[in-house]
Amino acid sequence: KKILKKIIKYILNNKYNFVQLRYIFINNGGKRQKSKWTRIIRC
């Protein structure tokens, strides 16, 4: 059970990091890239 909890925490942390990276990419990307990402986020 403890191992499963660790794995779940690891996956959740990776998802959170992925979201952070995506927002950093949006902020640093060009306007065209921004519009594509915002469309995906809106959906």
N, C-alpha and C. Protein backbone atom coordinates (compact mmCIF):
# COMPACT_ATOMS: atom_id res chain seq x y z
N LYS A 1 0.84 -1.21 0.00
CA LYS A 1 0.00 0.00 0.00
C LYS A 1 0.87 1.25 0.00
N LYS A 2 1.93 1.24 0.79
CA LYS A 2 2.81 2.42 0.85
C LYS A 2 3.45 2.68 -0.51
N ILE A 3 3.83 1.59 -1.20
CA ILE A 3 4.47 1.74 -2.52
C ILE A 3 3.48 2.37 -3.50
N LEU A 4 2.23 1.90 -3.48
CA LEU A 4 1.22 2.46 -4.37
C LEU A 4 1.04 3.95 -4.12
N LYS A 5 0.99 4.34 -2.86
CA LYS A 5 0.84 5.76 -2.53
C LYS A 5 2.01 6.57 -3.09
N LYS A 6 3.22 6.01 -2.98
CA LYS A 6 4.41 6.70 -3.50
C LYS A 6 4.30 6.86 -5.01
N ILE A 7 3.86 5.80 -5.68
CA ILE A 7 3.72 5.85 -7.15
C ILE A 7 2.68 6.90 -7.53
N ILE A 8 1.54 6.91 -6.82
CA ILE A 8 0.49 7.88 -7.12
C ILE A 8 1.01 9.30 -6.91
N LYS A 9 1.72 9.52 -5.81
CA LYS A 9 2.29 10.84 -5.55
C LYS A 9 3.24 11.23 -6.67
N TYR A 10 4.07 10.29 -7.11
CA TYR A 10 5.04 10.56 -8.19
C TYR A 10 4.31 10.96 -9.47
N ILE A 11 3.24 10.21 -9.80
CA ILE A 11 2.48 10.52 -11.02
C ILE A 11 1.84 11.91 -10.90
N LEU A 12 1.23 12.20 -9.74
CA LEU A 12 0.59 13.49 -9.55
C LEU A 12 1.61 14.62 -9.67
N ASN A 13 2.80 14.42 -9.09
CA ASN A 13 3.85 15.43 -9.17
C ASN A 13 4.27 15.64 -10.62
N ASN A 14 4.37 14.55 -11.39
CA ASN A 14 4.75 14.67 -12.79
C ASN A 14 3.70 15.44 -13.57
N LYS A 15 2.43 15.17 -13.28
CA LYS A 15 1.35 15.90 -13.96
C LYS A 15 1.46 17.39 -13.64
N TYR A 16 1.70 17.72 -12.37
CA TYR A 16 1.81 19.11 -11.95
C TYR A 16 2.99 19.78 -12.65
N ASN A 17 4.12 19.07 -12.71
CA ASN A 17 5.30 19.61 -13.38
C ASN A 17 5.03 19.83 -14.86
N PHE A 18 4.31 18.88 -15.48
CA PHE A 18 3.98 19.00 -16.90
C PHE A 18 3.13 20.25 -17.14
N VAL A 19 2.16 20.50 -16.25
CA VAL A 19 1.32 21.69 -16.38
C VAL A 19 2.17 22.94 -16.26
N GLN A 20 3.09 22.97 -15.28
CA GLN A 20 3.97 24.12 -15.10
C GLN A 20 4.79 24.35 -16.35
N LEU A 21 5.37 23.28 -16.91
CA LEU A 21 6.20 23.40 -18.11
C LEU A 21 5.35 23.94 -19.26
N ARG A 22 4.09 23.48 -19.36
CA ARG A 22 3.22 23.92 -20.44
C ARG A 22 2.96 25.43 -20.31
N TYR A 23 2.72 25.91 -19.08
CA TYR A 23 2.47 27.33 -18.89
C TYR A 23 3.72 28.15 -19.19
N ILE A 24 4.89 27.63 -18.80
CA ILE A 24 6.15 28.32 -19.12
C ILE A 24 6.30 28.40 -20.64
N PHE A 25 5.98 27.30 -21.33
CA PHE A 25 6.07 27.27 -22.79
C PHE A 25 5.14 28.31 -23.40
N ILE A 26 3.92 28.42 -22.85
CA ILE A 26 2.94 29.39 -23.35
C ILE A 26 3.50 30.80 -23.18
N ASN A 27 4.05 31.09 -21.98
CA ASN A 27 4.54 32.43 -21.69
C ASN A 27 5.72 32.80 -22.58
N ASN A 28 6.58 31.82 -22.90
CA ASN A 28 7.78 32.10 -23.68
C ASN A 28 7.54 31.97 -25.18
N GLY A 29 6.45 31.28 -25.57
CA GLY A 29 6.20 31.03 -26.98
C GLY A 29 5.67 32.26 -27.70
N GLY A 30 5.61 32.14 -29.04
CA GLY A 30 5.07 33.23 -29.86
C GLY A 30 3.56 33.31 -29.79
N LYS A 31 2.99 34.33 -30.44
CA LYS A 31 1.54 34.52 -30.39
C LYS A 31 0.82 33.35 -31.07
N ARG A 32 1.37 32.83 -32.16
CA ARG A 32 0.73 31.72 -32.86
C ARG A 32 0.67 30.51 -31.94
N GLN A 33 1.78 30.20 -31.26
CA GLN A 33 1.80 29.06 -30.34
C GLN A 33 0.82 29.30 -29.20
N LYS A 34 0.76 30.53 -28.70
CA LYS A 34 -0.17 30.87 -27.61
C LYS A 34 -1.60 30.53 -28.02
N SER A 35 -2.01 30.96 -29.22
CA SER A 35 -3.39 30.76 -29.64
C SER A 35 -3.70 29.27 -29.71
N LYS A 36 -2.76 28.46 -30.22
CA LYS A 36 -2.98 27.01 -30.30
C LYS A 36 -3.19 26.44 -28.90
N TRP A 37 -2.30 26.81 -27.95
CA TRP A 37 -2.40 26.25 -26.60
C TRP A 37 -3.67 26.72 -25.90
N THR A 38 -4.03 28.01 -26.06
CA THR A 38 -5.22 28.52 -25.39
C THR A 38 -6.46 27.80 -25.92
N ARG A 39 -6.47 27.49 -27.22
CA ARG A 39 -7.62 26.75 -27.77
C ARG A 39 -7.73 25.39 -27.10
N ILE A 40 -6.59 24.72 -26.93
CA ILE A 40 -6.61 23.39 -26.30
C ILE A 40 -7.09 23.51 -24.86
N ILE A 41 -6.60 24.53 -24.14
CA ILE A 41 -6.96 24.70 -22.73
C ILE A 41 -8.45 25.02 -22.62
N ARG A 42 -8.97 25.88 -23.52
CA ARG A 42 -10.38 26.24 -23.46
C ARG A 42 -11.25 25.01 -23.64
N CYS A 43 -10.88 24.12 -24.58
CA CYS A 43 -11.65 22.89 -24.81
C CYS A 43 -11.49 21.97 -23.60
